[in-house]
C-alpha atoms as a PDB file:
ATOM      1  CA  UNK A   1       0.000   0.000   0.000  1.00  0.00           C
ATOM      2  CA  UNK A   2       1.570   3.346  -1.021  1.00  0.00           C
ATOM      3  CA  UNK A   3       2.362   5.880   1.653  1.00  0.00           C
ATOM      4  CA  UNK A   4       0.000   8.849   1.880  1.00  0.00           C
ATOM      5  CA  UNK A   5       1.219  12.009   0.163  1.00  0.00           C
ATOM      6  CA  UNK A   6       3.202  14.430   2.241  1.00  0.00           C
ATOM      7  CA  UNK A   7       2.436  18.107   2.614  1.00  0.00           C
ATOM      8  CA  UNK A   8       5.058  18.861  -0.043  1.00  0.00           C
ATOM      9  CA  UNK A   9       3.438  16.339  -2.401  1.00  0.00           C
ATOM     10  CA  UNK A  10       0.078  18.024  -1.959  1.00  0.00           C
ATOM     11  CA  UNK A  11       1.495  21.495  -2.589  1.00  0.00           C
ATOM     12  CA  UNK A  12       3.286  20.264  -5.713  1.00  0.00           C
ATOM     13  CA  UNK A  13       0.026  18.816  -7.050  1.00  0.00           C
ATOM     14  CA  UNK A  14      -1.739  22.117  -6.390  1.00  0.00           C
ATOM     15  CA  UNK A  15       1.040  24.030  -8.148  1.00  0.00           C
ATOM     16  CA  UNK A  16       0.604  21.872 -11.253  1.00  0.00           C
ATOM     17  CA  UNK A  17      -3.130  22.490 -11.286  1.00  0.00           C
ATOM     18  CA  UNK A  18      -2.710  26.243 -10.840  1.00  0.00           C
ATOM     19  CA  UNK A  19      -0.141  26.305 -13.646  1.00  0.00           C
ATOM     20  CA  UNK A  20      -2.591  24.616 -16.007  1.00  0.00           C
ATOM     21  CA  UNK A  21      -4.907  27.596 -15.503  1.00  0.00           C
ATOM     22  CA  UNK A  22      -2.445  29.944 -17.225  1.00  0.00           C
ATOM     23  CA  UNK A  23      -3.644  28.725 -20.626  1.00  0.00           C
ATOM     24  CA  UNK A  24      -5.341  31.679 -22.291  1.00  0.00           C
ATOM     25  CA  UNK A  25      -8.157  29.422 -23.474  1.00  0.00           C
ATOM     26  CA  UNK A  26      -9.387  28.537 -19.969  1.00  0.00           C
ATOM     27  CA  UNK A  27     -12.560  30.511 -19.127  1.00  0.00           C
ATOM     28  CA  UNK A  28     -12.420  32.817 -16.119  1.00  0.00           C
ATOM     29  CA  UNK A  29     -15.290  30.929 -14.448  1.00  0.00           C
ATOM     30  CA  UNK A  30     -13.038  27.865 -14.341  1.00  0.00           C
ATOM     31  CA  UNK A  31      -9.917  29.731 -13.213  1.00  0.00           C
ATOM     32  CA  UNK A  32     -11.714  31.409 -10.293  1.00  0.00           C
ATOM     33  CA  UNK A  33     -13.202  28.137  -9.048  1.00  0.00           C
ATOM     34  CA  UNK A  34      -9.938  26.224  -9.308  1.00  0.00           C
ATOM     35  CA  UNK A  35      -8.076  28.909  -7.367  1.00  0.00           C
ATOM     36  CA  UNK A  36     -10.772  28.866  -4.689  1.00  0.00           C
ATOM     37  CA  UNK A  37     -10.275  25.118  -4.227  1.00  0.00           C
ATOM     38  CA  UNK A  38      -6.484  25.196  -4.210  1.00  0.00           C
ATOM     39  CA  UNK A  39      -6.476  28.097  -1.717  1.00  0.00           C
ATOM     40  CA  UNK A  40      -8.762  26.196   0.672  1.00  0.00           C
ATOM     41  CA  UNK A  41      -6.554  23.106   0.445  1.00  0.00           C
ATOM     42  CA  UNK A  42      -3.374  25.124   1.068  1.00  0.00           C
ATOM     43  CA  UNK A  43      -4.952  26.587   4.205  1.00  0.00           C
ATOM     44  CA  UNK A  44      -5.929  23.106   5.398  1.00  0.00           C
ATOM     45  CA  UNK A  45      -2.626  21.307   4.763  1.00  0.00           C
ATOM     46  CA  UNK A  46      -0.876  22.566   7.955  1.00  0.00           C
ATOM     47  CA  UNK A  47      -3.640  20.962  10.066  1.00  0.00           C
ATOM     48  CA  UNK A  48      -3.667  17.545   8.417  1.00  0.00           C
ATOM     49  CA  UNK A  49      -1.155  16.097  10.893  1.00  0.00           C
ATOM     50  CA  UNK A  50      -3.533  16.849  13.750  1.00  0.00           C
ATOM     51  CA  UNK A  51      -6.317  14.971  11.950  1.00  0.00           C
ATOM     52  CA  UNK A  52      -4.259  11.851  11.320  1.00  0.00           C
ATOM     53  CA  UNK A  53      -3.800   9.934   8.080  1.00  0.00           C
ATOM     54  CA  UNK A  54      -6.878   7.784   8.719  1.00  0.00           C
ATOM     55  CA  UNK A  55      -9.239  10.733   9.085  1.00  0.00           C
ATOM     56  CA  UNK A  56     -11.976  10.968   6.429  1.00  0.00           C
ATOM     57  CA  UNK A  57     -11.430  14.725   6.312  1.00  0.00           C
ATOM     58  CA  UNK A  58      -7.714  14.310   5.693  1.00  0.00           C
ATOM     59  CA  UNK A  59      -8.415  11.752   2.982  1.00  0.00           C
ATOM     60  CA  UNK A  60     -10.834  14.144   1.242  1.00  0.00           C
ATOM     61  CA  UNK A  61      -8.189  16.861   1.155  1.00  0.00           C
ATOM     62  CA  UNK A  62      -5.473  14.541  -0.162  1.00  0.00           C
ATOM     63  CA  UNK A  63      -7.731  12.965  -2.787  1.00  0.00           C
ATOM     64  CA  UNK A  64      -8.984  16.337  -4.001  1.00  0.00           C
ATOM     65  CA  UNK A  65      -5.476  17.748  -4.372  1.00  0.00           C
ATOM     66  CA  UNK A  66      -3.962  14.723  -6.106  1.00  0.00           C
ATOM     67  CA  UNK A  67      -6.910  13.135  -7.940  1.00  0.00           C
ATOM     68  CA  UNK A  68     -10.370  14.717  -7.977  1.00  0.00           C
ATOM     69  CA  UNK A  69      -9.347  18.243  -8.979  1.00  0.00           C
ATOM     70  CA  UNK A  70      -6.586  17.373 -11.490  1.00  0.00           C
ATOM     71  CA  UNK A  71      -8.822  14.789 -13.184  1.00  0.00           C
ATOM     72  CA  UNK A  72     -11.759  17.180 -13.527  1.00  0.00           C
ATOM     73  CA  UNK A  73      -9.600  19.969 -14.937  1.00  0.00           C
ATOM     74  CA  UNK A  74      -7.578  17.627 -17.145  1.00  0.00           C
ATOM     75  CA  UNK A  75     -10.700  16.098 -18.691  1.00  0.00           C
ATOM     76  CA  UNK A  76     -11.883  19.544 -19.722  1.00  0.00           C
ATOM     77  CA  UNK A  77      -8.496  20.737 -20.991  1.00  0.00           C
ATOM     78  CA  UNK A  78      -8.108  17.683 -23.227  1.00  0.00           C
ATOM     79  CA  UNK A  79     -11.196  18.706 -25.189  1.00  0.00           C
ATOM     80  CA  UNK A  80     -11.134  21.311 -27.964  1.00  0.00           C
ATOM     81  CA  UNK A  81     -12.514  24.590 -26.583  1.00  0.00           C
ATOM     82  CA  UNK A  82     -15.144  24.860 -29.300  1.00  0.00           C
ATOM     83  CA  UNK A  83     -16.525  21.420 -28.471  1.00  0.00           C
ATOM     84  CA  UNK A  84     -16.198  21.735 -24.697  1.00  0.00           C
ATOM     85  CA  UNK A  85     -17.946  25.093 -24.518  1.00  0.00           C
ATOM     86  CA  UNK A  86     -20.738  24.623 -27.084  1.00  0.00           C
ATOM     87  CA  UNK A  87     -21.730  20.941 -27.448  1.00  0.00           C
ATOM     88  CA  UNK A  88     -24.251  19.495 -24.957  1.00  0.00           C
ATOM     89  CA  UNK A  89     -22.981  16.232 -23.465  1.00  0.00           C
ATOM     90  CA  UNK A  90     -25.107  15.607 -20.360  1.00  0.00           C
ATOM     91  CA  UNK A  91     -28.767  16.581 -19.961  1.00  0.00           C
ATOM     92  CA  UNK A  92     -28.291  19.602 -22.175  1.00  0.00           C
ATOM     93  CA  UNK A  93     -25.128  20.741 -20.367  1.00  0.00           C
ATOM     94  CA  UNK A  94     -21.848  21.372 -22.152  1.00  0.00           C
ATOM     95  CA  UNK A  95     -18.540  20.023 -20.889  1.00  0.00           C
ATOM     96  CA  UNK A  96     -17.807  23.481 -19.484  1.00  0.00           C
ATOM     97  CA  UNK A  97     -21.042  23.500 -17.499  1.00  0.00           C
ATOM     98  CA  UNK A  98     -20.378  19.988 -16.214  1.00  0.00           C
ATOM     99  CA  UNK A  99     -16.900  21.054 -15.079  1.00  0.00           C
ATOM    100  CA  UNK A 100     -18.271  24.148 -13.321  1.00  0.00           C
ATOM    101  CA  UNK A 101     -20.733  21.968 -11.393  1.00  0.00           C
ATOM    102  CA  UNK A 102     -17.915  19.649 -10.313  1.00  0.00           C
ATOM    103  CA  UNK A 103     -15.710  22.552  -9.239  1.00  0.00           C
ATOM    104  CA  UNK A 104     -18.540  24.115  -7.233  1.00  0.00           C
ATOM    105  CA  UNK A 105     -19.045  20.825  -5.398  1.00  0.00           C
ATOM    106  CA  UNK A 106     -15.335  20.457  -4.649  1.00  0.00           C
ATOM    107  CA  UNK A 107     -15.131  24.091  -3.534  1.00  0.00           C
ATOM    108  CA  UNK A 108     -17.989  23.750  -1.062  1.00  0.00           C
ATOM    109  CA  UNK A 109     -16.562  20.501   0.255  1.00  0.00           C
ATOM    110  CA  UNK A 110     -13.082  21.936   0.820  1.00  0.00           C
ATOM    111  CA  UNK A 111     -14.533  24.988   2.563  1.00  0.00           C
ATOM    112  CA  UNK A 112     -16.507  22.706   4.878  1.00  0.00           C
ATOM    113  CA  UNK A 113     -13.420  20.604   5.587  1.00  0.00           C
ATOM    114  CA  UNK A 114     -11.403  23.722   6.413  1.00  0.00           C
ATOM    115  CA  UNK A 115     -14.125  24.927   8.792  1.00  0.00           C
ATOM    116  CA  UNK A 116     -14.287  21.515  10.456  1.00  0.00           C
ATOM    117  CA  UNK A 117     -10.541  21.209  11.059  1.00  0.00           C
ATOM    118  CA  UNK A 118     -10.432  24.727  12.544  1.00  0.00           C
ATOM    119  CA  UNK A 119     -13.492  24.318  14.739  1.00  0.00           C
ATOM    120  CA  UNK A 120     -11.691  22.625  17.649  1.00  0.00           C
ATOM    121  CA  UNK A 121      -9.260  25.520  17.968  1.00  0.00           C
ATOM    122  CA  UNK A 122     -12.115  28.007  17.653  1.00  0.00           C
ATOM    123  CA  UNK A 123     -14.060  26.273  20.434  1.00  0.00           C
ATOM    124  CA  UNK A 124     -10.953  26.309  22.638  1.00  0.00           C
ATOM    125  CA  UNK A 125     -10.552  30.041  21.974  1.00  0.00           C
ATOM    126  CA  UNK A 126     -14.166  30.721  22.976  1.00  0.00           C
ATOM    127  CA  UNK A 127     -13.756  28.684  26.169  1.00  0.00           C
ATOM    128  CA  UNK A 128     -10.595  30.606  27.054  1.00  0.00           C
ATOM    129  CA  UNK A 129     -12.402  33.896  26.476  1.00  0.00           C
ATOM    130  CA  UNK A 130     -15.164  32.878  28.877  1.00  0.00           C
ATOM    131  CA  UNK A 131     -12.571  31.905  31.474  1.00  0.00           C
ATOM    132  CA  UNK A 132     -10.928  35.326  31.202  1.00  0.00           C
ATOM    133  CA  UNK A 133     -14.301  37.072  31.427  1.00  0.00           C
ATOM    134  CA  UNK A 134     -15.157  35.196  34.620  1.00  0.00           C
ATOM    135  CA  UNK A 135     -11.774  35.906  36.190  1.00  0.00           C
ATOM    136  CA  UNK A 136     -11.205  39.514  35.179  1.00  0.00           C
ATOM    137  CA  UNK A 137     -14.670  40.721  34.176  1.00  0.00           C
ATOM    138  CA  UNK A 138     -17.037  42.949  36.234  1.00  0.00           C
ATOM    139  CA  UNK A 139     -17.521  40.184  38.817  1.00  0.00           C
ATOM    140  CA  UNK A 140     -13.810  39.453  39.057  1.00  0.00           C
ATOM    141  CA  UNK A 141     -11.100  40.619  41.401  1.00  0.00           C
ATOM    142  CA  UNK A 142     -11.872  43.906  43.196  1.00  0.00           C
ATOM    143  CA  UNK A 143      -8.329  45.103  42.568  1.00  0.00           C
ATOM    144  CA  UNK A 144      -9.288  45.836  38.987  1.00  0.00           C
ATOM    145  CA  UNK A 145     -12.119  48.204  39.981  1.00  0.00           C
ATOM    146  CA  UNK A 146     -10.506  50.271  42.768  1.00  0.00           C
ATOM    147  CA  UNK A 147     -11.997  53.748  42.837  1.00  0.00           C
ATOM    148  CA  UNK A 148     -14.784  52.852  40.457  1.00  0.00           C
ATOM    149  CA  UNK A 149     -17.456  53.892  43.020  1.00  0.00           C
ATOM    150  CA  UNK A 150     -15.846  57.202  44.058  1.00  0.00           C
ATOM    151  CA  UNK A 151     -17.955  60.057  42.627  1.00  0.00           C
ATOM    152  CA  UNK A 152     -16.120  62.716  40.680  1.00  0.00           C
ATOM    153  CA  UNK A 153     -17.511  66.244  41.185  1.00  0.00           C
ATOM    154  CA  UNK A 154     -18.455  67.965  37.945  1.00  0.00           C
ATOM    155  CA  UNK A 155     -16.513  71.099  36.982  1.00  0.00           C
ATOM    156  CA  UNK A 156     -18.076  74.469  37.911  1.00  0.00           C
ATOM    157  CA  UNK A 157     -20.440  75.755  35.301  1.00  0.00           C
ATOM    158  CA  UNK A 158     -21.131  72.343  33.817  1.00  0.00           C
ATOM    159  CA  UNK A 159     -24.629  71.187  33.025  1.00  0.00           C
ATOM    160  CA  UNK A 160     -24.625  69.201  36.261  1.00  0.00           C
ATOM    161  CA  UNK A 161     -23.917  72.234  38.545  1.00  0.00           C
ATOM    162  CA  UNK A 162     -26.972  74.317  39.623  1.00  0.00           C
ATOM    163  CA  UNK A 163     -26.525  78.015  38.771  1.00  0.00           C
ATOM    164  CA  UNK A 164     -27.047  79.048  42.420  1.00  0.00           C
ATOM    165  CA  UNK A 165     -24.071  76.894  43.455  1.00  0.00           C
ATOM    166  CA  UNK A 166     -21.646  78.769  41.226  1.00  0.00           C
ATOM    167  CA  UNK A 167     -19.553  81.289  43.206  1.00  0.00           C
ATOM    168  CA  UNK A 168     -18.153  84.454  41.764  1.00  0.00           C
ATOM    169  CA  UNK A 169     -14.374  84.615  41.423  1.00  0.00           C
ATOM    170  CA  UNK A 170     -12.438  86.103  44.316  1.00  0.00           C
ATOM    171  CA  UNK A 171     -12.260  89.883  44.098  1.00  0.00           C
ATOM    172  CA  UNK A 172     -15.475  90.268  42.128  1.00  0.00           C
ATOM    173  CA  UNK A 173     -18.838  90.894  43.644  1.00  0.00           C
ATOM    174  CA  UNK A 174     -21.642  88.571  42.887  1.00  0.00           C
ATOM    175  CA  UNK A 175     -24.527  89.992  40.839  1.00  0.00           C
ATOM    176  CA  UNK A 176     -26.744  90.053  43.946  1.00  0.00           C
ATOM    177  CA  UNK A 177     -24.177  92.129  45.897  1.00  0.00           C
ATOM    178  CA  UNK A 178     -24.100  94.959  43.360  1.00  0.00           C
ATOM    179  CA  UNK A 179     -26.405  97.760  44.590  1.00  0.00           C
ATOM    180  CA  UNK A 180     -28.549  99.611  42.142  1.00  0.00           C
ATOM    181  CA  UNK A 181     -27.834 103.390  41.918  1.00  0.00           C
ATOM    182  CA  UNK A 182     -29.941 105.658  44.138  1.00  0.00           C
ATOM    183  CA  UNK A 183     -33.032 107.071  42.536  1.00  0.00           C
ATOM    184  CA  UNK A 184     -32.731 110.688  41.376  1.00  0.00           C
ATOM    185  CA  UNK A 185     -34.745 113.376  43.183  1.00  0.00           C
ATOM    186  CA  UNK A 186     -35.711 114.797  39.810  1.00  0.00           C
ATOM    187  CA  UNK A 187     -38.330 112.505  38.334  1.00  0.00           C
ATOM    188  CA  UNK A 188     -37.164 113.509  34.859  1.00  0.00           C
ATOM    189  CA  UNK A 189     -33.617 112.736  35.881  1.00  0.00           C
ATOM    190  CA  UNK A 190     -32.475 116.123  34.442  1.00  0.00           C
ATOM    191  CA  UNK A 191     -29.639 118.267  35.725  1.00  0.00           C
ATOM    192  CA  UNK A 192     -31.245 121.328  37.468  1.00  0.00           C
ATOM    193  CA  UNK A 193     -29.111 124.537  37.308  1.00  0.00           C
ATOM    194  CA  UNK A 194     -28.364 126.144  40.716  1.00  0.00           C
ATOM    195  CA  UNK A 195     -30.625 129.017  41.884  1.00  0.00           C
ATOM    196  CA  UNK A 196     -28.670 132.303  41.628  1.00  0.00           C
ATOM    197  CA  UNK A 197     -30.412 133.608  44.767  1.00  0.00           C
ATOM    198  CA  UNK A 198     -29.195 130.697  46.732  1.00  0.00           C
ATOM    199  CA  UNK A 199     -31.187 128.119  48.585  1.00  0.00           C
ATOM    200  CA  UNK A 200     -34.487 129.283  50.034  1.00  0.00           C
END
């Protein structure tokens, strides 16, 4: 029984598939889907060792990189573009449409595999976050909230200070302390010239 492919073997297979997409005759819908699949596999490769060689998820990744994807792309590339893109071959679908369906299926599968292999680490991260929240959150050690209950007086003149509580600056009289000028004896408040004969 042959040994399973190594990480380097998988990357080499992906490189060959990506290189085959440089042909100017390959439609962009194919190129985009192939690159989506190879990118998902490259992101998953570093975690394959944690899954183990006997894992169904690991097998799906290895088989897609070395067999499923190259075979699907190769079968399309071996056909003349005019035939592959215009002649119905399966239930009214052209070879191009059949390939796109296969690539969509492989892309969804590889995305699901990547999510699955990362989920354990994500769950561990969430659990650690809850631990930190319990230890250092609002209900945690009082040392982290020293002074939190001490009220801070608002600055004078702020919206929180009543106007009557505001004191005038030192050296200035408050508005209430300023006396109004005495009323004039002349109701018309006119300057009366002195009587030449003197006061009577």
